[in-house]
Structure formats: C-alpha cells, structure tokens
Amino acid sequence: MLRVCFYHNKNIYINCPETILIMFKKRKITLCLGSSCFARGNQEIIPLIKKYISRKCLEDKVLFIGDHCMSNCSQGPNLCIGDKLFEKIDKDSIEKILDEGLKDLD
C-alpha cells in the first residue's frame, strides 16, 4: 500500500513511513485519505494540520502522513494521533484535537 507523507511541506511518496517514524522517533499523525473522508472534507484539514505543526514548531517531533483508508468510513473524516482515533474531524475541531493529541510534545 502506498502512503503519502507530508514532511517539511512537501509530499513524499513512501511505502513504509514507520521506518521514518522509528528513525526520527516522531509522533505519527495519520489522516484518512479515503474517498468517503474526502467527500466529508478531509482536504480542508490538511493545510490546518500543516499550519498547526509549523506554528507550534513541532516539525521535528511529528510525522504527518495520509493513509488510503482507516475502515471507519461512516465516522469520517478520521485522524489518528499515535494510536488514538479521532472521528468526524472538521476545521472547527482540529485545533482542539491536535492540542489534546500532542499536548505532551510542547
């Protein structure tokens, strides 16, 4: 399965982001890029997450990737921070979700 990695404001196409995660010991943020989550607005979330990471200077602490499908389509858009799943995310809730999921990285 091909995954998309959003790293330093560039899209990098890789097969195994876990390797990068281990190398850099970063917290993984995964956004579902499946068609159902796309139809529910996940494309609006991507720039907000990138801006949050930059504003909080977390580039060296997190790895932001996209995954094809999280198999939770009816609750999308979906986002995982580490192993925690957040459902029905939107542009109004994303900052609070990121604050919660990344609070120990500040």
Protein backbone atom coordinates (compact mmCIF):
# COMPACT_ATOMS: atom_id res chain seq x y z
CA MET A 1 0.00 0.00 0.00
CA LEU A 2 1.33 3.42 -0.97
CA ARG A 3 1.11 6.10 1.68
CA VAL A 4 1.66 9.82 1.42
CA CYS A 5 3.96 11.54 3.87
CA PHE A 6 3.62 15.29 4.43
CA TYR A 7 7.13 16.18 5.57
CA HIS A 8 8.58 19.70 5.65
CA ASN A 9 5.72 20.99 3.48
CA LYS A 10 6.50 18.54 0.68
CA ASN A 11 4.58 15.43 -0.31
CA ILE A 12 6.85 12.40 -0.21
CA TYR A 13 5.53 9.11 -1.52
CA ILE A 14 6.86 6.22 0.50
CA ASN A 15 5.99 2.60 1.19
CA CYS A 16 6.91 2.41 4.86
CA PRO A 17 6.52 5.59 6.94
CA GLU A 18 7.06 3.54 10.09
CA THR A 19 10.76 3.37 9.13
CA ILE A 20 10.96 7.17 9.12
CA LEU A 21 8.98 7.30 12.37
CA ILE A 22 11.48 4.99 14.06
CA MET A 23 14.47 6.83 12.60
CA PHE A 24 13.32 10.19 13.88
CA LYS A 25 11.28 9.00 16.89
CA LYS A 26 8.34 11.16 15.92
CA ARG A 27 4.67 11.06 16.92
CA LYS A 28 2.64 9.95 13.93
CA ILE A 29 -0.41 11.93 12.80
CA THR A 30 -2.37 9.99 10.17
CA LEU A 31 -5.22 11.48 8.17
CA CYS A 32 -7.55 9.17 6.28
CA LEU A 33 -7.45 9.97 2.56
CA GLY A 34 -10.17 7.53 1.52
CA SER A 35 -12.95 8.67 -0.80
CA SER A 36 -15.58 8.81 1.96
CA CYS A 37 -13.40 11.01 4.19
CA PHE A 38 -12.52 13.12 1.15
CA ALA A 39 -16.22 13.62 0.41
CA ARG A 40 -16.68 14.75 4.02
CA GLY A 41 -13.98 17.42 3.78
CA ASN A 42 -10.62 15.95 4.79
CA GLN A 43 -8.91 18.14 2.16
CA GLU A 44 -9.77 21.19 4.28
CA ILE A 45 -7.95 19.64 7.24
CA ILE A 46 -4.54 19.11 5.59
CA PRO A 47 -3.42 22.77 5.49
CA LEU A 48 -4.74 23.35 9.00
CA ILE A 49 -2.65 20.49 10.38
CA LYS A 50 0.44 21.70 8.49
CA LYS A 51 -0.03 25.23 9.86
CA TYR A 52 -0.53 23.90 13.40
CA ILE A 53 2.68 21.85 13.20
CA SER A 54 4.61 24.86 11.93
CA ARG A 55 3.08 27.35 14.39
CA LYS A 56 3.88 25.07 17.35
CA CYS A 57 7.40 24.28 15.98
CA LEU A 58 6.66 20.54 16.00
CA GLU A 59 8.29 19.69 12.66
CA ASP A 60 11.00 17.68 14.43
CA LYS A 61 8.53 15.92 16.73
CA VAL A 62 5.70 14.73 14.47
CA LEU A 63 5.29 12.85 11.21
CA PHE A 64 2.13 13.82 9.29
CA ILE A 65 1.03 11.16 6.83
CA GLY A 66 -2.03 10.19 4.86
CA ASP A 67 -3.42 6.67 4.73
CA HIS A 68 -5.69 5.33 2.00
CA CYS A 69 -8.47 4.15 4.31
CA MET A 70 -8.93 3.57 8.03
CA SER A 71 -12.04 1.37 7.53
CA ASN A 72 -14.16 3.71 9.63
CA CYS A 73 -15.86 5.44 6.71
CA SER A 74 -19.20 6.26 8.30
CA GLN A 75 -17.47 8.28 11.04
CA GLY A 76 -15.09 10.23 8.81
CA PRO A 77 -13.10 12.25 8.32
CA ASN A 78 -10.82 10.26 10.59
CA LEU A 79 -7.47 11.16 12.12
CA CYS A 80 -5.10 9.11 14.28
CA ILE A 81 -2.54 10.65 16.58
CA GLY A 82 -0.33 7.84 17.73
CA ASP A 83 -2.79 5.01 18.39
CA LYS A 84 -5.77 7.24 19.25
CA LEU A 85 -8.53 7.59 16.65
CA PHE A 86 -10.46 10.85 16.30
CA GLU A 87 -13.69 10.71 14.29
CA LYS A 88 -15.77 13.30 12.44
CA ILE A 89 -13.00 15.88 12.49
CA ASP A 90 -13.58 19.22 10.83
CA LYS A 91 -11.94 22.62 10.56
CA ASP A 92 -13.64 23.76 13.77
CA SER A 93 -12.46 20.81 15.89
CA ILE A 94 -8.97 20.12 14.51
CA GLU A 95 -7.04 22.54 16.74
CA LYS A 96 -8.57 21.11 19.93
CA ILE A 97 -7.88 17.56 18.69
CA LEU A 98 -4.24 18.40 17.92
CA ASP A 99 -3.85 20.14 21.29
CA GLU A 100 -5.15 17.01 23.03
CA GLY A 101 -3.15 14.54 20.99
CA LEU A 102 0.13 16.45 21.08
CA LYS A 103 -0.03 18.16 24.48
CA ASP A 104 2.97 16.29 25.84
CA LEU A 105 5.20 17.45 22.95
CA ASP A 106 5.19 21.18 23.78
